[in-house]
Every structure is written in C-alpha cells, then in structure tokens.
Amino acid sequence: YLQILRPEHTELEEYVQGVVSAEMPALFPMEALK
C-alpha cells in the first residue's frame, strides 16, 4: 500500500527498494539500511 500510494513514489525509489531488499539483510540496523 505504501509503495503504490505514497506521493513521492518514483521508479528510482522503487528500484532502490529492490536493491536494498536483495543486497542487505532486512533486519540489519535501520541506519545501515539507510
């Protein structure tokens, strides 16, 4: 829902989400994910 309706959504930001999802464990600290 956040991905589809958020106003700032762009293809670049969707791409970044896909890279972070693939490259780094999601349970790493938030600052590492950032």
Full PDB file with SEQRES, HELIX, SHEET, SSBOND, CRYST1, ORIGX, SCALE, CONECT and MASTER records, all heavy atoms in Angstrom:
SEQRES   1 A   34  TYR LEU GLN ILE LEU ARG PRO GLU HIS THR GLU LEU GLU          
SEQRES   2 A   34  GLU TYR VAL GLN GLY VAL VAL SER ALA GLU MET PRO ALA          
SEQRES   3 A   34  LEU PHE PRO MET GLU ALA LEU LYS                              
HELIX    1 AA1 LEU A    2  LEU A    5  1                                   4    
HELIX    2 AA2 GLU A   11  GLU A   23  1                                  13    
HELIX    3 AA3 MET A   30  LEU A   33  1                                   4    
CRYST1    1.000    1.000    1.000  90.00  90.00  90.00 P 1           1          
ORIGX1      1.000000  0.000000  0.000000        0.00000                         
ORIGX2      0.000000  1.000000  0.000000        0.00000                         
ORIGX3      0.000000  0.000000  1.000000        0.00000                         
SCALE1      1.000000  0.000000  0.000000        0.00000                         
SCALE2      0.000000  1.000000  0.000000        0.00000                         
SCALE3      0.000000  0.000000  1.000000        0.00000                         
ATOM      1  N   TYR A   1       0.833  -1.195   0.000  1.00  0.00           N  
ATOM      2  CA  TYR A   1       0.000   0.000   0.000  1.00  0.00           C  
ATOM      3  C   TYR A   1       0.869   1.246   0.000  1.00  0.00           C  
ATOM      4  O   TYR A   1       0.643   2.197  -0.750  1.00  0.00           O  
ATOM      5  CB  TYR A   1      -0.915  -0.023   1.224  1.00  0.00           C  
ATOM      6  CG  TYR A   1      -1.523   1.298   1.598  1.00  0.00           C  
ATOM      7  CD1 TYR A   1      -2.515   1.857   0.821  1.00  0.00           C  
ATOM      8  CD2 TYR A   1      -1.097   1.973   2.731  1.00  0.00           C  
ATOM      9  CE1 TYR A   1      -3.082   3.067   1.163  1.00  0.00           C  
ATOM     10  CE2 TYR A   1      -1.650   3.181   3.076  1.00  0.00           C  
ATOM     11  CZ  TYR A   1      -2.646   3.729   2.296  1.00  0.00           C  
ATOM     12  OH  TYR A   1      -3.192   4.930   2.634  1.00  0.00           O  
ATOM     13  N   LEU A   2       1.928   1.256   0.821  1.00  0.00           N  
ATOM     14  CA  LEU A   2       2.845   2.399   0.871  1.00  0.00           C  
ATOM     15  C   LEU A   2       3.532   2.593  -0.477  1.00  0.00           C  
ATOM     16  O   LEU A   2       3.691   3.708  -0.956  1.00  0.00           O  
ATOM     17  CB  LEU A   2       3.896   2.184   1.964  1.00  0.00           C  
ATOM     18  CG  LEU A   2       3.409   2.324   3.401  1.00  0.00           C  
ATOM     19  CD1 LEU A   2       4.520   1.916   4.365  1.00  0.00           C  
ATOM     20  CD2 LEU A   2       2.954   3.740   3.700  1.00  0.00           C  
ATOM     21  N   GLN A   3       3.940   1.501  -1.115  1.00  0.00           N  
ATOM     22  CA  GLN A   3       4.628   1.610  -2.391  1.00  0.00           C  
ATOM     23  C   GLN A   3       3.715   2.180  -3.475  1.00  0.00           C  
ATOM     24  O   GLN A   3       4.144   2.964  -4.306  1.00  0.00           O  
ATOM     25  CB  GLN A   3       5.123   0.235  -2.846  1.00  0.00           C  
ATOM     26  CG  GLN A   3       6.230  -0.339  -1.965  1.00  0.00           C  
ATOM     27  CD  GLN A   3       6.676  -1.686  -2.473  1.00  0.00           C  
ATOM     28  OE1 GLN A   3       6.800  -1.902  -3.671  1.00  0.00           O  
ATOM     29  NE2 GLN A   3       6.906  -2.610  -1.571  1.00  0.00           N  
ATOM     30  N   ILE A   4       2.444   1.803  -3.454  1.00  0.00           N  
ATOM     31  CA  ILE A   4       1.542   2.193  -4.529  1.00  0.00           C  
ATOM     32  C   ILE A   4       1.016   3.612  -4.371  1.00  0.00           C  
ATOM     33  O   ILE A   4       0.921   4.366  -5.330  1.00  0.00           O  
ATOM     34  CB  ILE A   4       0.347   1.201  -4.590  1.00  0.00           C  
ATOM     35  CG1 ILE A   4       0.862  -0.175  -5.029  1.00  0.00           C  
ATOM     36  CG2 ILE A   4      -0.735   1.684  -5.514  1.00  0.00           C  
ATOM     37  CD1 ILE A   4      -0.135  -1.267  -4.846  1.00  0.00           C  
ATOM     38  N   LEU A   5       0.715   4.031  -3.157  1.00  0.00           N  
ATOM     39  CA  LEU A   5       0.002   5.286  -2.960  1.00  0.00           C  
ATOM     40  C   LEU A   5       0.849   6.444  -2.455  1.00  0.00           C  
ATOM     41  O   LEU A   5       0.376   7.566  -2.436  1.00  0.00           O  
ATOM     42  CB  LEU A   5      -1.167   5.069  -1.988  1.00  0.00           C  
ATOM     43  CG  LEU A   5      -2.240   4.093  -2.446  1.00  0.00           C  
ATOM     44  CD1 LEU A   5      -3.324   3.988  -1.394  1.00  0.00           C  
ATOM     45  CD2 LEU A   5      -2.838   4.530  -3.778  1.00  0.00           C  
ATOM     46  N   ARG A   6       2.086   6.205  -2.024  1.00  0.00           N  
ATOM     47  CA  ARG A   6       2.843   7.314  -1.478  1.00  0.00           C  
ATOM     48  C   ARG A   6       3.118   8.344  -2.568  1.00  0.00           C  
ATOM     49  O   ARG A   6       3.470   8.000  -3.704  1.00  0.00           O  
ATOM     50  CB  ARG A   6       4.157   6.820  -0.853  1.00  0.00           C  
ATOM     51  CG  ARG A   6       5.158   6.272  -1.842  1.00  0.00           C  
ATOM     52  CD  ARG A   6       6.336   5.635  -1.137  1.00  0.00           C  
ATOM     53  NE  ARG A   6       7.332   5.218  -2.120  1.00  0.00           N  
ATOM     54  CZ  ARG A   6       8.209   4.276  -1.917  1.00  0.00           C  
ATOM     55  NH1 ARG A   6       8.207   3.630  -0.769  1.00  0.00           N  
ATOM     56  NH2 ARG A   6       9.085   3.955  -2.831  1.00  0.00           N  
ATOM     57  N   PRO A   7       2.962   9.635  -2.274  1.00  0.00           N  
ATOM     58  CA  PRO A   7       3.088  10.682  -3.284  1.00  0.00           C  
ATOM     59  C   PRO A   7       4.478  10.758  -3.899  1.00  0.00           C  
ATOM     60  O   PRO A   7       4.626  11.080  -5.074  1.00  0.00           O  
ATOM     61  CB  PRO A   7       2.769  11.962  -2.497  1.00  0.00           C  
ATOM     62  CG  PRO A   7       2.048  11.515  -1.283  1.00  0.00           C  
ATOM     63  CD  PRO A   7       2.566  10.151  -0.973  1.00  0.00           C  
ATOM     64  N   GLU A   8       5.552  10.460  -3.121  1.00  0.00           N  
ATOM     65  CA  GLU A   8       6.909  10.636  -3.611  1.00  0.00           C  
ATOM     66  C   GLU A   8       7.421   9.423  -4.383  1.00  0.00           C  
ATOM     67  O   GLU A   8       8.594   9.355  -4.738  1.00  0.00           O  
ATOM     68  CB  GLU A   8       7.862  10.938  -2.441  1.00  0.00           C  
ATOM     69  CG  GLU A   8       8.094   9.790  -1.482  1.00  0.00           C  
ATOM     70  CD  GLU A   8       7.040   9.700  -0.384  1.00  0.00           C  
ATOM     71  OE1 GLU A   8       5.939  10.244  -0.572  1.00  0.00           O  
ATOM     72  OE2 GLU A   8       7.316   9.082   0.648  1.00  0.00           O  
ATOM     73  N   HIS A   9       6.556   8.445  -4.641  1.00  0.00           N  
ATOM     74  CA  HIS A   9       6.956   7.233  -5.324  1.00  0.00           C  
ATOM     75  C   HIS A   9       7.459   7.535  -6.733  1.00  0.00           C  
ATOM     76  O   HIS A   9       6.839   8.224  -7.501  1.00  0.00           O  
ATOM     77  CB  HIS A   9       5.784   6.259  -5.394  1.00  0.00           C  
ATOM     78  CG  HIS A   9       6.073   5.067  -6.265  1.00  0.00           C  
ATOM     79  ND1 HIS A   9       6.849   4.020  -5.840  1.00  0.00           N  
ATOM     80  CD2 HIS A   9       5.709   4.777  -7.529  1.00  0.00           C  
ATOM     81  CE1 HIS A   9       6.942   3.132  -6.810  1.00  0.00           C  
ATOM     82  NE2 HIS A   9       6.263   3.568  -7.840  1.00  0.00           N  
ATOM     83  N   THR A  10       8.621   7.018  -7.075  1.00  0.00           N  
ATOM     84  CA  THR A  10       9.148   7.104  -8.427  1.00  0.00           C  
ATOM     85  C   THR A  10       9.766   5.764  -8.771  1.00  0.00           C  
ATOM     86  O   THR A  10      10.001   4.926  -7.896  1.00  0.00           O  
ATOM     87  CB  THR A  10      10.239   8.184  -8.536  1.00  0.00           C  
ATOM     88  OG1 THR A  10      11.363   7.782  -7.736  1.00  0.00           O  
ATOM     89  CG2 THR A  10       9.736   9.554  -8.082  1.00  0.00           C  
ATOM     90  N   GLU A  11      10.075   5.576 -10.045  1.00  0.00           N  
ATOM     91  CA  GLU A  11      10.713   4.324 -10.444  1.00  0.00           C  
ATOM     92  C   GLU A  11      12.076   4.184  -9.784  1.00  0.00           C  
ATOM     93  O   GLU A  11      12.478   3.086  -9.386  1.00  0.00           O  
ATOM     94  CB  GLU A  11      10.864   4.260 -11.965  1.00  0.00           C  
ATOM     95  CG  GLU A  11      11.433   2.912 -12.432  1.00  0.00           C  
ATOM     96  CD  GLU A  11      11.689   2.862 -13.927  1.00  0.00           C  
ATOM     97  OE1 GLU A  11      11.515   3.889 -14.605  1.00  0.00           O  
ATOM     98  OE2 GLU A  11      12.080   1.781 -14.411  1.00  0.00           O  
ATOM     99  N   LEU A  12      12.801   5.296  -9.636  1.00  0.00           N  
ATOM    100  CA  LEU A  12      14.115   5.239  -8.997  1.00  0.00           C  
ATOM    101  C   LEU A  12      14.005   4.751  -7.562  1.00  0.00           C  
ATOM    102  O   LEU A  12      14.769   3.877  -7.127  1.00  0.00           O  
ATOM    103  CB  LEU A  12      14.789   6.609  -9.030  1.00  0.00           C  
ATOM    104  CG  LEU A  12      16.135   6.708  -8.304  1.00  0.00           C  
ATOM    105  CD1 LEU A  12      17.157   5.735  -8.901  1.00  0.00           C  
ATOM    106  CD2 LEU A  12      16.667   8.140  -8.355  1.00  0.00           C  
ATOM    107  N   GLU A  13      13.044   5.287  -6.804  1.00  0.00           N  
ATOM    108  CA  GLU A  13      12.901   4.883  -5.404  1.00  0.00           C  
ATOM    109  C   GLU A  13      12.440   3.431  -5.299  1.00  0.00           C  
ATOM    110  O   GLU A  13      12.858   2.703  -4.399  1.00  0.00           O  
ATOM    111  CB  GLU A  13      11.930   5.821  -4.686  1.00  0.00           C  
ATOM    112  CG  GLU A  13      12.394   7.275  -4.633  1.00  0.00           C  
ATOM    113  CD  GLU A  13      13.793   7.429  -4.038  1.00  0.00           C  
ATOM    114  OE1 GLU A  13      14.054   6.890  -2.945  1.00  0.00           O  
ATOM    115  OE2 GLU A  13      14.639   8.081  -4.684  1.00  0.00           O  
ATOM    116  N   GLU A  14      11.590   3.009  -6.230  1.00  0.00           N  
ATOM    117  CA  GLU A  14      11.174   1.604  -6.249  1.00  0.00           C  
ATOM    118  C   GLU A  14      12.377   0.711  -6.537  1.00  0.00           C  
ATOM    119  O   GLU A  14      12.537  -0.363  -5.928  1.00  0.00           O  
ATOM    120  CB  GLU A  14      10.102   1.391  -7.318  1.00  0.00           C  
ATOM    121  CG  GLU A  14       9.604  -0.041  -7.406  1.00  0.00           C  
ATOM    122  CD  GLU A  14       8.575  -0.214  -8.511  1.00  0.00           C  
ATOM    123  OE1 GLU A  14       7.379  -0.004  -8.244  1.00  0.00           O  
ATOM    124  OE2 GLU A  14       8.990  -0.535  -9.645  1.00  0.00           O  
ATOM    125  N   TYR A  15      13.222   1.162  -7.463  1.00  0.00           N  
ATOM    126  CA  TYR A  15      14.441   0.413  -7.781  1.00  0.00           C  
ATOM    127  C   TYR A  15      15.335   0.301  -6.550  1.00  0.00           C  
ATOM    128  O   TYR A  15      15.857  -0.777  -6.245  1.00  0.00           O  
ATOM    129  CB  TYR A  15      15.188   1.109  -8.919  1.00  0.00           C  
ATOM    130  CG  TYR A  15      16.597   0.604  -9.116  1.00  0.00           C  
ATOM    131  CD1 TYR A  15      16.846  -0.552  -9.859  1.00  0.00           C  
ATOM    132  CD2 TYR A  15      17.679   1.270  -8.552  1.00  0.00           C  
ATOM    133  CE1 TYR A  15      18.143  -1.027 -10.024  1.00  0.00           C  
ATOM    134  CE2 TYR A  15      18.981   0.798  -8.715  1.00  0.00           C  
ATOM    135  CZ  TYR A  15      19.207  -0.339  -9.449  1.00  0.00           C  
ATOM    136  OH  TYR A  15      20.489  -0.816  -9.604  1.00  0.00           O  
ATOM    137  N   VAL A  16      15.520   1.404  -5.828  1.00  0.00           N  
ATOM    138  CA  VAL A  16      16.367   1.394  -4.632  1.00  0.00           C  
ATOM    139  C   VAL A  16      15.821   0.411  -3.610  1.00  0.00           C  
ATOM    140  O   VAL A  16      16.571  -0.339  -2.982  1.00  0.00           O  
ATOM    141  CB  VAL A  16      16.486   2.810  -4.025  1.00  0.00           C  
ATOM    142  CG1 VAL A  16      17.204   2.771  -2.682  1.00  0.00           C  
ATOM    143  CG2 VAL A  16      17.224   3.733  -4.990  1.00  0.00           C  
ATOM    144  N   GLN A  17      14.506   0.387  -3.448  1.00  0.00           N  
ATOM    145  CA  GLN A  17      13.913  -0.573  -2.512  1.00  0.00           C  
ATOM    146  C   GLN A  17      14.238  -2.001  -2.939  1.00  0.00           C  
ATOM    147  O   GLN A  17      14.548  -2.857  -2.101  1.00  0.00           O  
ATOM    148  CB  GLN A  17      12.397  -0.392  -2.432  1.00  0.00           C  
ATOM    149  CG  GLN A  17      11.721  -1.486  -1.604  1.00  0.00           C  
ATOM    150  CD  GLN A  17      10.523  -1.014  -0.829  1.00  0.00           C  
ATOM    151  OE1 GLN A  17      10.312   0.179  -0.643  1.00  0.00           O  
ATOM    152  NE2 GLN A  17       9.731  -1.953  -0.363  1.00  0.00           N  
ATOM    153  N   GLY A  18      14.196  -2.263  -4.250  1.00  0.00           N  
ATOM    154  CA  GLY A  18      14.517  -3.596  -4.743  1.00  0.00           C  
ATOM    155  C   GLY A  18      15.962  -3.978  -4.512  1.00  0.00           C  
ATOM    156  O   GLY A  18      16.268  -5.131  -4.201  1.00  0.00           O  
ATOM    157  N   VAL A  19      16.866  -2.996  -4.641  1.00  0.00           N  
ATOM    158  CA  VAL A  19      18.288  -3.274  -4.418  1.00  0.00           C  
ATOM    159  C   VAL A  19      18.569  -3.537  -2.941  1.00  0.00           C  
ATOM    160  O   VAL A  19      19.239  -4.509  -2.588  1.00  0.00           O  
ATOM    161  CB  VAL A  19      19.172  -2.112  -4.924  1.00  0.00           C  
ATOM    162  CG1 VAL A  19      20.635  -2.350  -4.537  1.00  0.00           C  
ATOM    163  CG2 VAL A  19      19.048  -1.964  -6.435  1.00  0.00           C  
ATOM    164  N   VAL A  20      18.046  -2.683  -2.067  1.00  0.00           N  
ATOM    165  CA  VAL A  20      18.269  -2.878  -0.634  1.00  0.00           C  
ATOM    166  C   VAL A  20      17.700  -4.224  -0.197  1.00  0.00           C  
ATOM    167  O   VAL A  20      18.322  -4.950   0.589  1.00  0.00           O  
ATOM    168  CB  VAL A  20      17.647  -1.732   0.185  1.00  0.00           C  
ATOM    169  CG1 VAL A  20      17.830  -1.974   1.684  1.00  0.00           C  
ATOM    170  CG2 VAL A  20      18.277  -0.397  -0.197  1.00  0.00           C  
ATOM    171  N   SER A  21      16.536  -4.581  -0.722  1.00  0.00           N  
ATOM    172  CA  SER A  21      15.912  -5.865  -0.385  1.00  0.00           C  
ATOM    173  C   SER A  21      16.791  -7.040  -0.778  1.00  0.00           C  
ATOM    174  O   SER A  21      16.837  -8.059  -0.074  1.00  0.00           O  
ATOM    175  CB  SER A  21      14.553  -5.991  -1.098  1.00  0.00           C  
ATOM    176  OG  SER A  21      13.672  -4.969  -0.702  1.00  0.00           O  
ATOM    177  N   ALA A  22      17.491  -6.905  -1.903  1.00  0.00           N  
ATOM    178  CA  ALA A  22      18.318  -8.000  -2.397  1.00  0.00           C  
ATOM    179  C   ALA A  22      19.714  -7.995  -1.802  1.00  0.00           C  
ATOM    180  O   ALA A  22      20.321  -9.055  -1.611  1.00  0.00           O  
ATOM    181  CB  ALA A  22      18.423  -7.914  -3.924  1.00  0.00           C  
ATOM    182  N   GLU A  23      20.237  -6.805  -1.490  1.00  0.00           N  
ATOM    183  CA  GLU A  23      21.649  -6.679  -1.125  1.00  0.00           C  
ATOM    184  C   GLU A  23      21.948  -6.753   0.374  1.00  0.00           C  
ATOM    185  O   GLU A  23      23.050  -7.107   0.766  1.00  0.00           O  
ATOM    186  CB  GLU A  23      22.209  -5.354  -1.670  1.00  0.00           C  
ATOM    187  CG  GLU A  23      22.370  -5.313  -3.180  1.00  0.00           C  
ATOM    188  CD  GLU A  23      23.625  -6.017  -3.654  1.00  0.00           C  
ATOM    189  OE1 GLU A  23      24.290  -6.677  -2.833  1.00  0.00           O  
ATOM    190  OE2 GLU A  23      23.945  -5.913  -4.847  1.00  0.00           O  
ATOM    191  N   MET A  24      20.995  -6.377   1.217  1.00  0.00           N  
ATOM    192  CA  MET A  24      21.287  -6.303   2.653  1.00  0.00           C  
ATOM    193  C   MET A  24      20.180  -6.972   3.463  1.00  0.00           C  
ATOM    194  O   MET A  24      18.997  -6.780   3.162  1.00  0.00           O  
ATOM    195  CB  MET A  24      21.434  -4.836   3.081  1.00  0.00           C  
ATOM    196  CG  MET A  24      21.769  -4.646   4.557  1.00  0.00           C  
ATOM    197  SD  MET A  24      22.115  -2.906   4.983  1.00  0.00           S  
ATOM    198  CE  MET A  24      23.856  -2.787   4.521  1.00  0.00           C  
ATOM    199  N   PRO A  25      20.531  -7.750   4.489  1.00  0.00           N  
ATOM    200  CA  PRO A  25      19.500  -8.360   5.338  1.00  0.00           C  
ATOM    201  C   PRO A  25      18.573  -7.302   5.928  1.00  0.00           C  
ATOM    202  O   PRO A  25      19.033  -6.282   6.455  1.00  0.00           O  
ATOM    203  CB  PRO A  25      20.318  -9.057   6.427  1.00  0.00           C  
ATOM    204  CG  PRO A  25      21.626  -9.371   5.772  1.00  0.00           C  
ATOM    205  CD  PRO A  25      21.894  -8.209   4.876  1.00  0.00           C  
ATOM    206  N   ALA A  26      17.271  -7.527   5.830  1.00  0.00           N  
ATOM    207  CA  ALA A  26      16.282  -6.528   6.245  1.00  0.00           C  
ATOM    208  C   ALA A  26      16.301  -6.252   7.747  1.00  0.00           C  
ATOM    209  O   ALA A  26      15.794  -5.212   8.186  1.00  0.00           O  
ATOM    210  CB  ALA A  26      14.882  -6.969   5.817  1.00  0.00           C  
ATOM    211  N   LEU A  27      16.875  -7.155   8.527  1.00  0.00           N  
ATOM    212  CA  LEU A  27      16.930  -6.956   9.975  1.00  0.00           C  
ATOM    213  C   LEU A  27      18.215  -6.262  10.428  1.00  0.00           C  
ATOM    214  O   LEU A  27      18.440  -6.102  11.628  1.00  0.00           O  
ATOM    215  CB  LEU A  27      16.774  -8.294  10.702  1.00  0.00           C  
ATOM    216  CG  LEU A  27      15.363  -8.898  10.645  1.00  0.00           C  
ATOM    217  CD1 LEU A  27      15.324 -10.225  11.395  1.00  0.00           C  
ATOM    218  CD2 LEU A  27      14.320  -7.945  11.205  1.00  0.00           C  
ATOM    219  N   PHE A  28      19.049  -5.832   9.474  1.00  0.00           N  
ATOM    220  CA  PHE A  28      20.191  -5.007   9.845  1.00  0.00           C  
ATOM    221  C   PHE A  28      19.677  -3.714  10.480  1.00  0.00           C  
ATOM    222  O   PHE A  28      18.537  -3.312  10.241  1.00  0.00           O  
ATOM    223  CB  PHE A  28      21.023  -4.685   8.603  1.00  0.00           C  
ATOM    224  CG  PHE A  28      22.137  -5.667   8.344  1.00  0.00           C  
ATOM    225  CD1 PHE A  28      22.098  -6.959   8.836  1.00  0.00           C  
ATOM    226  CD2 PHE A  28      23.249  -5.290   7.596  1.00  0.00           C  
ATOM    227  CE1 PHE A  28      23.115  -7.864   8.596  1.00  0.00           C  
ATOM    228  CE2 PHE A  28      24.281  -6.178   7.344  1.00  0.00           C  
ATOM    229  CZ  PHE A  28      24.220  -7.464   7.850  1.00  0.00           C  
ATOM    230  N   PRO A  29      20.490  -3.022  11.286  1.00  0.00           N  
ATOM    231  CA  PRO A  29      20.045  -1.761  11.895  1.00  0.00           C  
ATOM    232  C   PRO A  29      19.547  -0.775  10.846  1.00  0.00           C  
ATOM    233  O   PRO A  29      20.052  -0.750   9.716  1.00  0.00           O  
ATOM    234  CB  PRO A  29      21.318  -1.246  12.575  1.00  0.00           C  
ATOM    235  CG  PRO A  29      22.139  -2.459  12.825  1.00  0.00           C  
ATOM    236  CD  PRO A  29      21.869  -3.380  11.677  1.00  0.00           C  
ATOM    237  N   MET A  30      18.575   0.054  11.221  1.00  0.00           N  
ATOM    238  CA  MET A  30      17.967   0.980  10.281  1.00  0.00           C  
ATOM    239  C   MET A  30      18.998   1.913   9.643  1.00  0.00           C  
ATOM    240  O   MET A  30      18.921   2.224   8.446  1.00  0.00           O  
ATOM    241  CB  MET A  30      16.878   1.797  10.977  1.00  0.00           C  
ATOM    242  CG  MET A  30      16.111   2.737  10.052  1.00  0.00           C  
ATOM    243  SD  MET A  30      15.368   1.914   8.595  1.00  0.00           S  
ATOM    244  CE  MET A  30      14.224   0.776   9.400  1.00  0.00           C  
ATOM    245  N   GLU A  31      19.986   2.369  10.408  1.00  0.00           N  
ATOM    246  CA  GLU A  31      20.974   3.287   9.838  1.00  0.00           C  
ATOM    247  C   GLU A  31      21.845   2.597   8.792  1.00  0.00           C  
ATOM    248  O   GLU A  31      22.292   3.229   7.830  1.00  0.00           O  
ATOM    249  CB  GLU A  31      21.827   3.907  10.942  1.00  0.00           C  
ATOM    250  CG  GLU A  31      21.052   4.812  11.890  1.00  0.00           C  
ATOM    251  CD  GLU A  31      20.289   5.917  11.168  1.00  0.00           C  
ATOM    252  OE1 GLU A  31      20.916   6.632  10.354  1.00  0.00           O  
ATOM    253  OE2 GLU A  31      19.074   6.059  11.425  1.00  0.00           O  
ATOM    254  N   ALA A  32      22.083   1.295   8.952  1.00  0.00           N  
ATOM    255  CA  ALA A  32      22.815   0.546   7.926  1.00  0.00           C  
ATOM    256  C   ALA A  32      21.969   0.401   6.671  1.00  0.00           C  
ATOM    257  O   ALA A  32      22.474   0.526   5.550  1.00  0.00           O  
ATOM    258  CB  ALA A  32      23.216  -0.829   8.464  1.00  0.00           C  
ATOM    259  N   LEU A  33      20.677   0.136   6.836  1.00  0.00           N  
ATOM    260  CA  LEU A  33      19.771   0.049   5.689  1.00  0.00           C  
ATOM    261  C   LEU A  33      19.702   1.380   4.945  1.00  0.00           C  
ATOM    262  O   LEU A  33      19.676   1.417   3.713  1.00  0.00           O  
ATOM    263  CB  LEU A  33      18.374  -0.373   6.147  1.00  0.00           C  
ATOM    264  CG  LEU A  33      18.228  -1.805   6.672  1.00  0.00           C  
ATOM    265  CD1 LEU A  33      16.838  -2.018   7.260  1.00  0.00           C  
ATOM    266  CD2 LEU A  33      18.489  -2.823   5.569  1.00  0.00           C  
ATOM    267  N   LYS A  34      19.694   2.483   5.690  1.00  0.00           N  
ATOM    268  CA  LYS A  34      19.681   3.807   5.051  1.00  0.00           C  
ATOM    269  C   LYS A  34      20.969   4.036   4.268  1.00  0.00           C  
ATOM    270  O   LYS A  34      20.948   4.581   3.160  1.00  0.00           O  
ATOM    271  CB  LYS A  34      19.500   4.890   6.107  1.00  0.00           C  
ATOM    272  CG  LYS A  34      18.120   4.946   6.752  1.00  0.00           C  
ATOM    273  CD  LYS A  34      18.077   6.059   7.786  1.00  0.00           C  
ATOM    274  CE  LYS A  34      16.774   6.107   8.533  1.00  0.00           C  
ATOM    275  NZ  LYS A  34      16.759   7.176   9.566  1.00  0.00           N  
TER     276      LYS A  34                                                      
MASTER        0    0    0    3    0    0    0    6  275    1    0    3          
END                                                                             
